[in-house]
């Protein structure tokens, strides 16, 4: 977990340094804001079988996510640097969070149409809230801590893929258009950890792990992800 966090921080610092160093040399760059929705294939059949067994909603075969991405293209460069945060929006008991840094190179680059190939990597985290039936050993732990239990796992996400941008609208230094992408996601997940939240200040920062239950297994998810949305490109000097 700590190694993944340091890796993400190192990548973001590397990307930021590269962008700003090129910006000073060339004096201008493009800044992009890309809100989007994506769909990702999943293959963790074990957790879905467990959820169904105890009466919880299963995770969709192709869950959808909201994404917020900020990207930059230095002047006279074919490189695209990006930072993206995403969260799943189509599962009742599952909260999923991703934070990734990306580096892509342009295959096609014109004022209105761009195609990039490259990859992204970062931190992935899943949380399942257990607010229904529990196995006897889980219920015993819940009685001991007097709190609602949850399952949590985290790991490294790798995402090679392509990005496409089309800007039909030009308003001064602003371009407005559409974005799309196709990638292959690999989530190198840790073992599920059973625990609880010690207070109400946030679902991600106050998790208290108790044990790694024997009825859960370590599964690395992988599958295609695709999606699209809007893109706002600002030409800055």
C-alpha atoms as a PDB file:
ATOM      1  CA  UNK A   1       0.000   0.000   0.000  1.00  0.00           C
ATOM      2  CA  UNK A   2       2.729   2.458   1.012  1.00  0.00           C
ATOM      3  CA  UNK A   3       4.865   1.404  -1.959  1.00  0.00           C
ATOM      4  CA  UNK A   4       1.961   2.082  -4.348  1.00  0.00           C
ATOM      5  CA  UNK A   5       1.375   5.503  -2.775  1.00  0.00           C
ATOM      6  CA  UNK A   6       5.042   6.496  -3.115  1.00  0.00           C
ATOM      7  CA  UNK A   7       5.011   5.259  -6.725  1.00  0.00           C
ATOM      8  CA  UNK A   8       2.020   7.438  -7.600  1.00  0.00           C
ATOM      9  CA  UNK A   9       3.595  10.459  -5.887  1.00  0.00           C
ATOM     10  CA  UNK A  10       6.865   9.900  -7.743  1.00  0.00           C
ATOM     11  CA  UNK A  11       5.104   9.637 -11.093  1.00  0.00           C
ATOM     12  CA  UNK A  12       3.105  12.815 -10.505  1.00  0.00           C
ATOM     13  CA  UNK A  13       6.241  14.736  -9.525  1.00  0.00           C
ATOM     14  CA  UNK A  14       8.056  13.403 -12.597  1.00  0.00           C
ATOM     15  CA  UNK A  15       5.214  14.372 -14.935  1.00  0.00           C
ATOM     16  CA  UNK A  16       4.831  17.802 -13.330  1.00  0.00           C
ATOM     17  CA  UNK A  17       8.545  18.493 -13.606  1.00  0.00           C
ATOM     18  CA  UNK A  18       8.598  17.471 -17.252  1.00  0.00           C
ATOM     19  CA  UNK A  19       5.649  19.701 -18.119  1.00  0.00           C
ATOM     20  CA  UNK A  20       7.012  22.771 -16.358  1.00  0.00           C
ATOM     21  CA  UNK A  21      10.539  22.347 -17.727  1.00  0.00           C
ATOM     22  CA  UNK A  22       9.183  22.216 -21.273  1.00  0.00           C
ATOM     23  CA  UNK A  23       6.831  25.103 -20.551  1.00  0.00           C
ATOM     24  CA  UNK A  24       9.728  27.353 -19.530  1.00  0.00           C
ATOM     25  CA  UNK A  25      11.627  26.473 -22.704  1.00  0.00           C
ATOM     26  CA  UNK A  26       8.713  26.899 -25.092  1.00  0.00           C
ATOM     27  CA  UNK A  27       6.714  29.529 -23.115  1.00  0.00           C
ATOM     28  CA  UNK A  28       3.297  27.986 -23.919  1.00  0.00           C
ATOM     29  CA  UNK A  29       1.285  24.809 -23.466  1.00  0.00           C
ATOM     30  CA  UNK A  30      -2.233  23.392 -23.724  1.00  0.00           C
ATOM     31  CA  UNK A  31      -4.173  22.601 -20.557  1.00  0.00           C
ATOM     32  CA  UNK A  32      -7.058  20.135 -20.878  1.00  0.00           C
ATOM     33  CA  UNK A  33      -9.967  19.342 -18.572  1.00  0.00           C
ATOM     34  CA  UNK A  34     -11.677  16.053 -19.502  1.00  0.00           C
ATOM     35  CA  UNK A  35     -14.785  14.911 -17.579  1.00  0.00           C
ATOM     36  CA  UNK A  36     -15.983  11.521 -18.810  1.00  0.00           C
ATOM     37  CA  UNK A  37     -17.747   8.236 -18.105  1.00  0.00           C
ATOM     38  CA  UNK A  38     -16.108   4.850 -18.658  1.00  0.00           C
ATOM     39  CA  UNK A  39     -17.081   1.175 -18.581  1.00  0.00           C
ATOM     40  CA  UNK A  40     -14.710  -1.544 -17.362  1.00  0.00           C
ATOM     41  CA  UNK A  41     -14.971  -5.317 -17.655  1.00  0.00           C
ATOM     42  CA  UNK A  42     -14.338  -7.169 -14.380  1.00  0.00           C
ATOM     43  CA  UNK A  43     -13.635 -10.828 -13.648  1.00  0.00           C
ATOM     44  CA  UNK A  44     -13.701 -11.297  -9.845  1.00  0.00           C
ATOM     45  CA  UNK A  45     -16.261 -14.096  -9.730  1.00  0.00           C
ATOM     46  CA  UNK A  46     -15.264 -15.134  -6.197  1.00  0.00           C
ATOM     47  CA  UNK A  47     -16.377 -11.901  -4.507  1.00  0.00           C
ATOM     48  CA  UNK A  48     -19.621 -11.886  -6.518  1.00  0.00           C
ATOM     49  CA  UNK A  49     -20.365 -15.464  -5.396  1.00  0.00           C
ATOM     50  CA  UNK A  50     -19.717 -14.425  -1.772  1.00  0.00           C
ATOM     51  CA  UNK A  51     -21.948 -11.342  -2.048  1.00  0.00           C
ATOM     52  CA  UNK A  52     -24.809 -13.347  -3.585  1.00  0.00           C
ATOM     53  CA  UNK A  53     -24.478 -16.041  -0.897  1.00  0.00           C
ATOM     54  CA  UNK A  54     -25.088 -13.516   1.889  1.00  0.00           C
ATOM     55  CA  UNK A  55     -27.771 -11.507   0.105  1.00  0.00           C
ATOM     56  CA  UNK A  56     -25.757  -8.492  -1.093  1.00  0.00           C
ATOM     57  CA  UNK A  57     -26.059  -6.921  -4.559  1.00  0.00           C
ATOM     58  CA  UNK A  58     -23.351  -8.296  -6.838  1.00  0.00           C
ATOM     59  CA  UNK A  59     -20.848  -6.138  -8.701  1.00  0.00           C
ATOM     60  CA  UNK A  60     -21.996  -5.532 -12.320  1.00  0.00           C
ATOM     61  CA  UNK A  61     -20.109  -7.396 -15.022  1.00  0.00           C
ATOM     62  CA  UNK A  62     -19.351  -4.050 -16.696  1.00  0.00           C
ATOM     63  CA  UNK A  63     -19.537  -1.313 -14.027  1.00  0.00           C
ATOM     64  CA  UNK A  64     -19.467   2.347 -15.009  1.00  0.00           C
ATOM     65  CA  UNK A  65     -17.317   5.092 -13.482  1.00  0.00           C
ATOM     66  CA  UNK A  66     -17.110   8.873 -13.433  1.00  0.00           C
ATOM     67  CA  UNK A  67     -13.694  10.285 -14.372  1.00  0.00           C
ATOM     68  CA  UNK A  68     -12.085  13.692 -13.922  1.00  0.00           C
ATOM     69  CA  UNK A  69      -8.829  14.219 -15.796  1.00  0.00           C
ATOM     70  CA  UNK A  70      -6.442  17.157 -16.076  1.00  0.00           C
ATOM     71  CA  UNK A  71      -3.841  16.938 -18.842  1.00  0.00           C
ATOM     72  CA  UNK A  72      -1.166  19.125 -20.406  1.00  0.00           C
ATOM     73  CA  UNK A  73       0.622  19.211 -23.773  1.00  0.00           C
ATOM     74  CA  UNK A  74       3.788  21.375 -23.821  1.00  0.00           C
ATOM     75  CA  UNK A  75       4.305  23.521 -26.919  1.00  0.00           C
ATOM     76  CA  UNK A  76       6.171  21.820 -29.772  1.00  0.00           C
ATOM     77  CA  UNK A  77       5.853  18.472 -27.989  1.00  0.00           C
ATOM     78  CA  UNK A  78       4.012  15.272 -28.903  1.00  0.00           C
ATOM     79  CA  UNK A  79       3.675  14.192 -25.254  1.00  0.00           C
ATOM     80  CA  UNK A  80       0.493  14.287 -23.178  1.00  0.00           C
ATOM     81  CA  UNK A  81       0.855  14.299 -19.372  1.00  0.00           C
ATOM     82  CA  UNK A  82      -2.249  13.545 -17.332  1.00  0.00           C
ATOM     83  CA  UNK A  83      -3.627  13.059 -13.826  1.00  0.00           C
ATOM     84  CA  UNK A  84      -6.980  11.275 -13.472  1.00  0.00           C
ATOM     85  CA  UNK A  85      -9.282  10.501 -10.557  1.00  0.00           C
ATOM     86  CA  UNK A  86     -12.220   8.135 -10.991  1.00  0.00           C
ATOM     87  CA  UNK A  87     -14.909   6.487  -8.889  1.00  0.00           C
ATOM     88  CA  UNK A  88     -17.432   3.761  -9.659  1.00  0.00           C
ATOM     89  CA  UNK A  89     -21.093   4.803  -9.823  1.00  0.00           C
ATOM     90  CA  UNK A  90     -23.019   1.616 -10.620  1.00  0.00           C
ATOM     91  CA  UNK A  91     -22.611  -0.656  -7.570  1.00  0.00           C
ATOM     92  CA  UNK A  92     -24.716  -0.381  -4.408  1.00  0.00           C
ATOM     93  CA  UNK A  93     -22.339  -1.644  -1.725  1.00  0.00           C
ATOM     94  CA  UNK A  94     -19.036  -1.099  -3.544  1.00  0.00           C
ATOM     95  CA  UNK A  95     -16.969   2.081  -3.449  1.00  0.00           C
ATOM     96  CA  UNK A  96     -14.046   2.079  -5.878  1.00  0.00           C
ATOM     97  CA  UNK A  97     -11.427   4.812  -6.204  1.00  0.00           C
ATOM     98  CA  UNK A  98      -8.564   5.239  -8.673  1.00  0.00           C
ATOM     99  CA  UNK A  99      -5.858   7.920  -8.899  1.00  0.00           C
ATOM    100  CA  UNK A 100      -3.515   7.636 -11.872  1.00  0.00           C
ATOM    101  CA  UNK A 101      -0.747   9.484 -13.683  1.00  0.00           C
ATOM    102  CA  UNK A 102      -0.412   8.981 -17.428  1.00  0.00           C
ATOM    103  CA  UNK A 103       2.063   9.588 -20.225  1.00  0.00           C
ATOM    104  CA  UNK A 104       1.036   9.317 -23.896  1.00  0.00           C
ATOM    105  CA  UNK A 105       2.628  10.257 -27.215  1.00  0.00           C
ATOM    106  CA  UNK A 106       0.781  11.653 -30.230  1.00  0.00           C
ATOM    107  CA  UNK A 107       0.201   9.398 -33.232  1.00  0.00           C
ATOM    108  CA  UNK A 108      -1.864  12.126 -34.907  1.00  0.00           C
ATOM    109  CA  UNK A 109      -1.666  15.778 -33.883  1.00  0.00           C
ATOM    110  CA  UNK A 110      -3.496  18.653 -35.528  1.00  0.00           C
ATOM    111  CA  UNK A 111      -5.291  21.696 -34.169  1.00  0.00           C
ATOM    112  CA  UNK A 112      -8.680  19.934 -34.054  1.00  0.00           C
ATOM    113  CA  UNK A 113      -7.907  16.207 -33.960  1.00  0.00           C
ATOM    114  CA  UNK A 114      -5.456  14.288 -31.770  1.00  0.00           C
ATOM    115  CA  UNK A 115      -4.741  10.580 -31.216  1.00  0.00           C
ATOM    116  CA  UNK A 116      -2.408   9.427 -28.421  1.00  0.00           C
ATOM    117  CA  UNK A 117      -0.986   6.048 -27.397  1.00  0.00           C
ATOM    118  CA  UNK A 118       0.660   5.300 -24.077  1.00  0.00           C
ATOM    119  CA  UNK A 119      -0.280   4.264 -20.580  1.00  0.00           C
ATOM    120  CA  UNK A 120      -1.125   5.219 -17.027  1.00  0.00           C
ATOM    121  CA  UNK A 121      -0.415   3.787 -13.598  1.00  0.00           C
ATOM    122  CA  UNK A 122      -1.561   4.556 -10.096  1.00  0.00           C
ATOM    123  CA  UNK A 123      -3.412   3.504  -6.971  1.00  0.00           C
ATOM    124  CA  UNK A 124      -6.623   1.442  -6.941  1.00  0.00           C
ATOM    125  CA  UNK A 125      -8.889   0.837  -3.937  1.00  0.00           C
ATOM    126  CA  UNK A 126     -12.155  -1.101  -3.425  1.00  0.00           C
ATOM    127  CA  UNK A 127     -14.421  -0.972  -0.361  1.00  0.00           C
ATOM    128  CA  UNK A 128     -17.492  -3.149   0.233  1.00  0.00           C
ATOM    129  CA  UNK A 129     -19.848  -2.067   3.028  1.00  0.00           C
ATOM    130  CA  UNK A 130     -21.288  -5.048   4.933  1.00  0.00           C
ATOM    131  CA  UNK A 131     -24.646  -3.704   6.101  1.00  0.00           C
ATOM    132  CA  UNK A 132     -26.604  -6.961   5.816  1.00  0.00           C
ATOM    133  CA  UNK A 133     -26.135 -10.632   6.647  1.00  0.00           C
ATOM    134  CA  UNK A 134     -22.738 -11.741   7.947  1.00  0.00           C
ATOM    135  CA  UNK A 135     -20.976 -15.092   8.369  1.00  0.00           C
ATOM    136  CA  UNK A 136     -20.826 -16.145  12.046  1.00  0.00           C
ATOM    137  CA  UNK A 137     -17.115 -15.252  12.428  1.00  0.00           C
ATOM    138  CA  UNK A 138     -17.751 -11.810  10.891  1.00  0.00           C
ATOM    139  CA  UNK A 139     -20.718 -11.234  13.230  1.00  0.00           C
ATOM    140  CA  UNK A 140     -18.594 -12.108  16.227  1.00  0.00           C
ATOM    141  CA  UNK A 141     -16.035  -9.468  15.248  1.00  0.00           C
ATOM    142  CA  UNK A 142     -18.789  -6.905  14.600  1.00  0.00           C
ATOM    143  CA  UNK A 143     -20.128  -7.498  18.123  1.00  0.00           C
ATOM    144  CA  UNK A 144     -16.654  -6.980  19.560  1.00  0.00           C
ATOM    145  CA  UNK A 145     -15.986  -3.632  17.851  1.00  0.00           C
ATOM    146  CA  UNK A 146     -19.637  -2.449  17.948  1.00  0.00           C
ATOM    147  CA  UNK A 147     -19.336  -1.111  14.393  1.00  0.00           C
ATOM    148  CA  UNK A 148     -20.481  -1.934  10.882  1.00  0.00           C
ATOM    149  CA  UNK A 149     -17.859  -3.990   9.079  1.00  0.00           C
ATOM    150  CA  UNK A 150     -16.399  -3.513   5.618  1.00  0.00           C
ATOM    151  CA  UNK A 151     -14.052  -5.326   3.252  1.00  0.00           C
ATOM    152  CA  UNK A 152     -11.226  -3.311   1.702  1.00  0.00           C
ATOM    153  CA  UNK A 153      -8.420  -4.003  -0.743  1.00  0.00           C
ATOM    154  CA  UNK A 154      -5.916  -1.823  -2.574  1.00  0.00           C
ATOM    155  CA  UNK A 155      -3.222  -2.208  -5.172  1.00  0.00           C
ATOM    156  CA  UNK A 156      -1.487  -0.976  -8.273  1.00  0.00           C
ATOM    157  CA  UNK A 157      -3.419  -0.298 -11.499  1.00  0.00           C
ATOM    158  CA  UNK A 158      -1.764  -0.459 -14.929  1.00  0.00           C
ATOM    159  CA  UNK A 159      -3.558   0.891 -17.996  1.00  0.00           C
ATOM    160  CA  UNK A 160      -2.005   0.846 -21.494  1.00  0.00           C
ATOM    161  CA  UNK A 161      -4.292   2.352 -24.110  1.00  0.00           C
ATOM    162  CA  UNK A 162      -5.179   5.051 -26.623  1.00  0.00           C
ATOM    163  CA  UNK A 163      -6.905   8.436 -26.320  1.00  0.00           C
ATOM    164  CA  UNK A 164      -8.726  10.401 -29.037  1.00  0.00           C
ATOM    165  CA  UNK A 165      -9.734  14.091 -28.966  1.00  0.00           C
ATOM    166  CA  UNK A 166     -11.820  16.056 -31.482  1.00  0.00           C
ATOM    167  CA  UNK A 167     -12.412  19.813 -31.128  1.00  0.00           C
ATOM    168  CA  UNK A 168     -15.065  21.217 -33.505  1.00  0.00           C
ATOM    169  CA  UNK A 169     -15.649  24.400 -31.465  1.00  0.00           C
ATOM    170  CA  UNK A 170     -13.029  27.190 -31.173  1.00  0.00           C
ATOM    171  CA  UNK A 171     -13.671  30.237 -28.988  1.00  0.00           C
ATOM    172  CA  UNK A 172     -10.562  32.388 -28.689  1.00  0.00           C
ATOM    173  CA  UNK A 173      -7.972  30.422 -26.715  1.00  0.00           C
ATOM    174  CA  UNK A 174     -10.539  27.761 -25.760  1.00  0.00           C
ATOM    175  CA  UNK A 175     -11.417  24.641 -27.732  1.00  0.00           C
ATOM    176  CA  UNK A 176     -14.463  22.523 -26.841  1.00  0.00           C
ATOM    177  CA  UNK A 177     -14.860  18.984 -28.066  1.00  0.00           C
ATOM    178  CA  UNK A 178     -15.222  15.286 -27.387  1.00  0.00           C
ATOM    179  CA  UNK A 179     -12.843  12.711 -25.949  1.00  0.00           C
ATOM    180  CA  UNK A 180     -12.769   8.929 -26.142  1.00  0.00           C
ATOM    181  CA  UNK A 181     -10.515   6.151 -25.015  1.00  0.00           C
ATOM    182  CA  UNK A 182      -9.845   2.428 -25.165  1.00  0.00           C
ATOM    183  CA  UNK A 183      -7.485   0.693 -22.729  1.00  0.00           C
ATOM    184  CA  UNK A 184      -6.744  -2.569 -20.956  1.00  0.00           C
ATOM    185  CA  UNK A 185      -6.873  -2.334 -17.167  1.00  0.00           C
ATOM    186  CA  UNK A 186      -4.868  -4.573 -14.832  1.00  0.00           C
ATOM    187  CA  UNK A 187      -5.577  -4.229 -11.088  1.00  0.00           C
ATOM    188  CA  UNK A 188      -2.901  -5.903  -8.949  1.00  0.00           C
ATOM    189  CA  UNK A 189      -5.088  -6.145  -5.855  1.00  0.00           C
ATOM    190  CA  UNK A 190      -4.096  -7.032  -2.321  1.00  0.00           C
ATOM    191  CA  UNK A 191      -5.974  -9.623  -0.243  1.00  0.00           C
ATOM    192  CA  UNK A 192      -9.319  -8.384   1.077  1.00  0.00           C
ATOM    193  CA  UNK A 193      -8.983  -7.014   4.631  1.00  0.00           C
ATOM    194  CA  UNK A 194     -11.915  -7.060   7.055  1.00  0.00           C
ATOM    195  CA  UNK A 195     -12.297  -4.012   9.275  1.00  0.00           C
ATOM    196  CA  UNK A 196     -14.431  -1.042  10.214  1.00  0.00           C
ATOM    197  CA  UNK A 197     -14.466   2.771  10.145  1.00  0.00           C
ATOM    198  CA  UNK A 198     -13.586   4.407  13.438  1.00  0.00           C
ATOM    199  CA  UNK A 199     -15.487   7.662  12.799  1.00  0.00           C
ATOM    200  CA  UNK A 200     -17.640   9.507  10.262  1.00  0.00           C
ATOM    201  CA  UNK A 201     -14.966  11.759   8.746  1.00  0.00           C
ATOM    202  CA  UNK A 202     -14.500   9.734   5.579  1.00  0.00           C
ATOM    203  CA  UNK A 203     -14.744   6.281   4.123  1.00  0.00           C
ATOM    204  CA  UNK A 204     -11.158   6.143   2.887  1.00  0.00           C
ATOM    205  CA  UNK A 205      -8.956   7.657   5.598  1.00  0.00           C
ATOM    206  CA  UNK A 206     -10.173   6.047   8.860  1.00  0.00           C
ATOM    207  CA  UNK A 207     -10.355   2.318   8.128  1.00  0.00           C
ATOM    208  CA  UNK A 208      -9.259   0.033  10.982  1.00  0.00           C
ATOM    209  CA  UNK A 209      -8.234  -3.378   9.716  1.00  0.00           C
ATOM    210  CA  UNK A 210      -8.983  -6.416  11.891  1.00  0.00           C
ATOM    211  CA  UNK A 211      -8.009  -9.498   9.888  1.00  0.00           C
ATOM    212  CA  UNK A 212      -7.654 -11.045   6.454  1.00  0.00           C
ATOM    213  CA  UNK A 213     -10.595 -13.473   6.357  1.00  0.00           C
ATOM    214  CA  UNK A 214      -9.986 -17.001   5.109  1.00  0.00           C
ATOM    215  CA  UNK A 215     -13.148 -17.015   2.988  1.00  0.00           C
ATOM    216  CA  UNK A 216     -11.729 -14.254   0.740  1.00  0.00           C
ATOM    217  CA  UNK A 217      -9.007 -14.636  -1.876  1.00  0.00           C
ATOM    218  CA  UNK A 218      -6.549 -12.352  -3.632  1.00  0.00           C
ATOM    219  CA  UNK A 219      -7.725 -11.683  -7.198  1.00  0.00           C
ATOM    220  CA  UNK A 220      -6.098  -9.451  -9.807  1.00  0.00           C
ATOM    221  CA  UNK A 221      -8.807  -7.953 -12.029  1.00  0.00           C
ATOM    222  CA  UNK A 222      -8.160  -7.292 -15.690  1.00  0.00           C
ATOM    223  CA  UNK A 223     -10.279  -6.351 -18.696  1.00  0.00           C
ATOM    224  CA  UNK A 224     -11.080  -3.789 -21.349  1.00  0.00           C
ATOM    225  CA  UNK A 225     -12.155  -0.296 -20.394  1.00  0.00           C
ATOM    226  CA  UNK A 226     -13.738   2.180 -22.801  1.00  0.00           C
ATOM    227  CA  UNK A 227     -15.563   5.455 -22.539  1.00  0.00           C
ATOM    228  CA  UNK A 228     -15.938   9.043 -23.599  1.00  0.00           C
ATOM    229  CA  UNK A 229     -16.918  12.515 -22.562  1.00  0.00           C
ATOM    230  CA  UNK A 230     -16.250  16.203 -23.063  1.00  0.00           C
ATOM    231  CA  UNK A 231     -12.892  17.951 -23.392  1.00  0.00           C
ATOM    232  CA  UNK A 232     -12.028  21.602 -22.769  1.00  0.00           C
ATOM    233  CA  UNK A 233      -8.614  22.650 -24.120  1.00  0.00           C
ATOM    234  CA  UNK A 234      -7.057  25.966 -23.121  1.00  0.00           C
ATOM    235  CA  UNK A 235      -4.058  27.387 -25.001  1.00  0.00           C
ATOM    236  CA  UNK A 236      -1.920  29.184 -22.414  1.00  0.00           C
ATOM    237  CA  UNK A 237       1.151  31.401 -22.829  1.00  0.00           C
END
